[in-house]
Amino acid sequence: MVLEEKVLETLRTAKERVEYILEHYPETRNNDLYLWIIYVRLFCPELSQYIKFIPFDVFKKAPSYETIVRVRRRLQEEGRFLPTDPKVAKRRRKLADVYRKVIHEV
C-alpha cells in the first residue's frame, strides 16, 4: 500500500478529506466541481471507476459548474424543466421560503 493510501484511510470526516484535497491538489481551490471529482476519485472507490481522469487544463475550458447550476435554477424559476423527484422540489421550495423570510427580515 502506498503512503497516500495510508494517509487517505486516516481521514474520516468530509472536512478532513476536503482539507487534504485542497492542500494537495491546489487546482481544486478554484473549481467546486473539480474538487468534487477528486473527492469521489479518492474516497468513493465504488464510484471512482465511473469518473475518468480529466487533466485540469482541459477541465478549465468547460463552463463552470456554478454557471450551469445558475442557468438550471433560472429555467426552473420560470416553471420550466421542474425536478421530476418530488422530494427535490419540496426541499427547494423550503429553502426558497427560508431565503425569502431571511431577506425580508434584513
C-alpha atoms as a PDB file:
ATOM      1  CA  MET A   1       0.000   0.000   0.000  1.00  0.00           C
ATOM      2  CA  VAL A   2       1.457   3.382  -0.947  1.00  0.00           C
ATOM      3  CA  LEU A   3       1.851   6.183   1.560  1.00  0.00           C
ATOM      4  CA  GLU A   4      -1.002   8.263   0.148  1.00  0.00           C
ATOM      5  CA  GLU A   5      -3.428   5.345   0.547  1.00  0.00           C
ATOM      6  CA  LYS A   6      -2.466   5.020   4.219  1.00  0.00           C
ATOM      7  CA  VAL A   7      -2.967   8.755   4.754  1.00  0.00           C
ATOM      8  CA  LEU A   8      -6.329   8.693   2.984  1.00  0.00           C
ATOM      9  CA  GLU A   9      -7.536   5.910   5.273  1.00  0.00           C
ATOM     10  CA  THR A  10      -6.955   8.115   8.324  1.00  0.00           C
ATOM     11  CA  LEU A  11      -9.190  10.901   7.010  1.00  0.00           C
ATOM     12  CA  ARG A  12     -12.668  10.197   8.371  1.00  0.00           C
ATOM     13  CA  THR A  13     -14.765  13.357   8.062  1.00  0.00           C
ATOM     14  CA  ALA A  14     -15.713  15.266   4.922  1.00  0.00           C
ATOM     15  CA  LYS A  15     -13.938  18.314   6.366  1.00  0.00           C
ATOM     16  CA  GLU A  16     -10.667  16.421   6.872  1.00  0.00           C
ATOM     17  CA  ARG A  17     -10.910  14.971   3.382  1.00  0.00           C
ATOM     18  CA  VAL A  18     -11.667  18.290   1.700  1.00  0.00           C
ATOM     19  CA  GLU A  19      -8.802  19.956   3.600  1.00  0.00           C
ATOM     20  CA  TYR A  20      -6.465  17.233   2.371  1.00  0.00           C
ATOM     21  CA  ILE A  21      -7.595  17.673  -1.224  1.00  0.00           C
ATOM     22  CA  LEU A  22      -7.349  21.465  -1.113  1.00  0.00           C
ATOM     23  CA  GLU A  23      -3.832  21.206   0.312  1.00  0.00           C
ATOM     24  CA  HIS A  24      -2.528  18.544  -2.089  1.00  0.00           C
ATOM     25  CA  TYR A  25      -4.473  19.431  -5.245  1.00  0.00           C
ATOM     26  CA  PRO A  26      -4.307  23.258  -5.423  1.00  0.00           C
ATOM     27  CA  GLU A  27      -6.279  23.480  -8.675  1.00  0.00           C
ATOM     28  CA  THR A  28      -9.346  22.232  -6.755  1.00  0.00           C
ATOM     29  CA  ARG A  29      -9.384  25.543  -4.867  1.00  0.00           C
ATOM     30  CA  ASN A  30     -10.688  27.242  -7.998  1.00  0.00           C
ATOM     31  CA  ASN A  31     -13.469  24.906  -9.040  1.00  0.00           C
ATOM     32  CA  ASP A  32     -16.020  23.102  -6.863  1.00  0.00           C
ATOM     33  CA  LEU A  33     -16.874  20.524  -9.486  1.00  0.00           C
ATOM     34  CA  TYR A  34     -13.214  19.582  -9.881  1.00  0.00           C
ATOM     35  CA  LEU A  35     -12.989  19.359  -6.076  1.00  0.00           C
ATOM     36  CA  TRP A  36     -15.970  17.005  -6.075  1.00  0.00           C
ATOM     37  CA  ILE A  37     -14.454  14.845  -8.821  1.00  0.00           C
ATOM     38  CA  ILE A  38     -11.179  14.472  -6.913  1.00  0.00           C
ATOM     39  CA  TYR A  39     -13.117  13.727  -3.710  1.00  0.00           C
ATOM     40  CA  VAL A  40     -15.061  10.935  -5.398  1.00  0.00           C
ATOM     41  CA  ARG A  41     -11.954   9.512  -7.039  1.00  0.00           C
ATOM     42  CA  LEU A  42     -10.067   9.388  -3.726  1.00  0.00           C
ATOM     43  CA  PHE A  43     -12.771   8.493  -1.211  1.00  0.00           C
ATOM     44  CA  CYS A  44     -15.525   6.661  -3.097  1.00  0.00           C
ATOM     45  CA  PRO A  45     -13.785   3.714  -4.745  1.00  0.00           C
ATOM     46  CA  GLU A  46     -17.088   2.134  -5.755  1.00  0.00           C
ATOM     47  CA  LEU A  47     -17.873   5.256  -7.829  1.00  0.00           C
ATOM     48  CA  SER A  48     -14.397   6.288  -8.938  1.00  0.00           C
ATOM     49  CA  GLN A  49     -14.360   3.715 -11.729  1.00  0.00           C
ATOM     50  CA  TYR A  50     -17.007   5.810 -13.495  1.00  0.00           C
ATOM     51  CA  ILE A  51     -15.048   9.047 -13.281  1.00  0.00           C
ATOM     52  CA  LYS A  52     -12.110   9.091 -15.639  1.00  0.00           C
ATOM     53  CA  PHE A  53      -9.137  11.366 -15.148  1.00  0.00           C
ATOM     54  CA  ILE A  54      -9.597  14.802 -16.658  1.00  0.00           C
ATOM     55  CA  PRO A  55      -6.461  16.977 -16.772  1.00  0.00           C
ATOM     56  CA  PHE A  56      -7.187  20.317 -15.151  1.00  0.00           C
ATOM     57  CA  ASP A  57      -6.031  22.233 -18.251  1.00  0.00           C
ATOM     58  CA  VAL A  58      -8.763  20.532 -20.274  1.00  0.00           C
ATOM     59  CA  PHE A  59     -11.261  20.872 -17.440  1.00  0.00           C
ATOM     60  CA  LYS A  60     -10.762  24.659 -17.273  1.00  0.00           C
ATOM     61  CA  LYS A  61     -12.172  25.015 -20.799  1.00  0.00           C
ATOM     62  CA  ALA A  62     -15.611  23.747 -19.762  1.00  0.00           C
ATOM     63  CA  PRO A  63     -18.262  26.149 -18.463  1.00  0.00           C
ATOM     64  CA  SER A  64     -18.182  26.459 -14.700  1.00  0.00           C
ATOM     65  CA  TYR A  65     -20.355  24.251 -12.548  1.00  0.00           C
ATOM     66  CA  GLU A  66     -21.850  27.361 -10.969  1.00  0.00           C
ATOM     67  CA  THR A  67     -22.891  28.731 -14.376  1.00  0.00           C
ATOM     68  CA  ILE A  68     -24.687  25.527 -15.293  1.00  0.00           C
ATOM     69  CA  VAL A  69     -26.484  25.372 -11.928  1.00  0.00           C
ATOM     70  CA  ARG A  70     -27.449  29.056 -12.187  1.00  0.00           C
ATOM     71  CA  VAL A  71     -28.982  28.529 -15.636  1.00  0.00           C
ATOM     72  CA  ARG A  72     -30.896  25.467 -14.397  1.00  0.00           C
ATOM     73  CA  ARG A  73     -32.175  27.491 -11.443  1.00  0.00           C
ATOM     74  CA  ARG A  74     -33.377  30.332 -13.688  1.00  0.00           C
ATOM     75  CA  LEU A  75     -35.204  27.946 -16.010  1.00  0.00           C
ATOM     76  CA  GLN A  76     -36.939  26.276 -13.080  1.00  0.00           C
ATOM     77  CA  GLU A  77     -37.859  29.638 -11.564  1.00  0.00           C
ATOM     78  CA  GLU A  78     -39.710  30.250 -14.848  1.00  0.00           C
ATOM     79  CA  GLY A  79     -41.592  26.987 -14.256  1.00  0.00           C
ATOM     80  CA  ARG A  80     -39.742  25.099 -16.983  1.00  0.00           C
ATOM     81  CA  PHE A  81     -37.999  21.732 -16.645  1.00  0.00           C
ATOM     82  CA  LEU A  82     -39.029  21.260 -13.000  1.00  0.00           C
ATOM     83  CA  PRO A  83     -37.462  18.457 -10.956  1.00  0.00           C
ATOM     84  CA  THR A  84     -39.011  15.052 -11.507  1.00  0.00           C
ATOM     85  CA  ASP A  85     -38.347  13.943  -7.921  1.00  0.00           C
ATOM     86  CA  PRO A  86     -40.995  15.397  -5.568  1.00  0.00           C
ATOM     87  CA  LYS A  87     -38.533  15.330  -2.658  1.00  0.00           C
ATOM     88  CA  VAL A  88     -36.136  17.599  -4.546  1.00  0.00           C
ATOM     89  CA  ALA A  89     -38.924  20.027  -5.428  1.00  0.00           C
ATOM     90  CA  LYS A  90     -40.120  20.103  -1.805  1.00  0.00           C
ATOM     91  CA  ARG A  91     -36.614  20.698  -0.445  1.00  0.00           C
ATOM     92  CA  ARG A  92     -36.011  23.535  -2.910  1.00  0.00           C
ATOM     93  CA  ARG A  93     -39.360  25.153  -2.046  1.00  0.00           C
ATOM     94  CA  LYS A  94     -38.486  25.038   1.664  1.00  0.00           C
ATOM     95  CA  LEU A  95     -35.092  26.623   1.004  1.00  0.00           C
ATOM     96  CA  ALA A  96     -36.683  29.331  -1.142  1.00  0.00           C
ATOM     97  CA  ASP A  97     -39.175  30.105   1.648  1.00  0.00           C
ATOM     98  CA  VAL A  98     -36.360  30.360   4.191  1.00  0.00           C
ATOM     99  CA  TYR A  99     -34.355  32.684   1.924  1.00  0.00           C
ATOM    100  CA  ARG A 100     -37.400  34.900   1.328  1.00  0.00           C
ATOM    101  CA  LYS A 101     -38.042  35.118   5.074  1.00  0.00           C
ATOM    102  CA  VAL A 102     -34.421  35.933   5.909  1.00  0.00           C
ATOM    103  CA  ILE A 103     -34.110  38.508   3.103  1.00  0.00           C
ATOM    104  CA  HIS A 104     -37.416  40.116   4.127  1.00  0.00           C
ATOM    105  CA  GLU A 105     -36.148  40.486   7.704  1.00  0.00           C
ATOM    106  CA  VAL A 106     -32.890  42.120   6.584  1.00  0.00           C
END
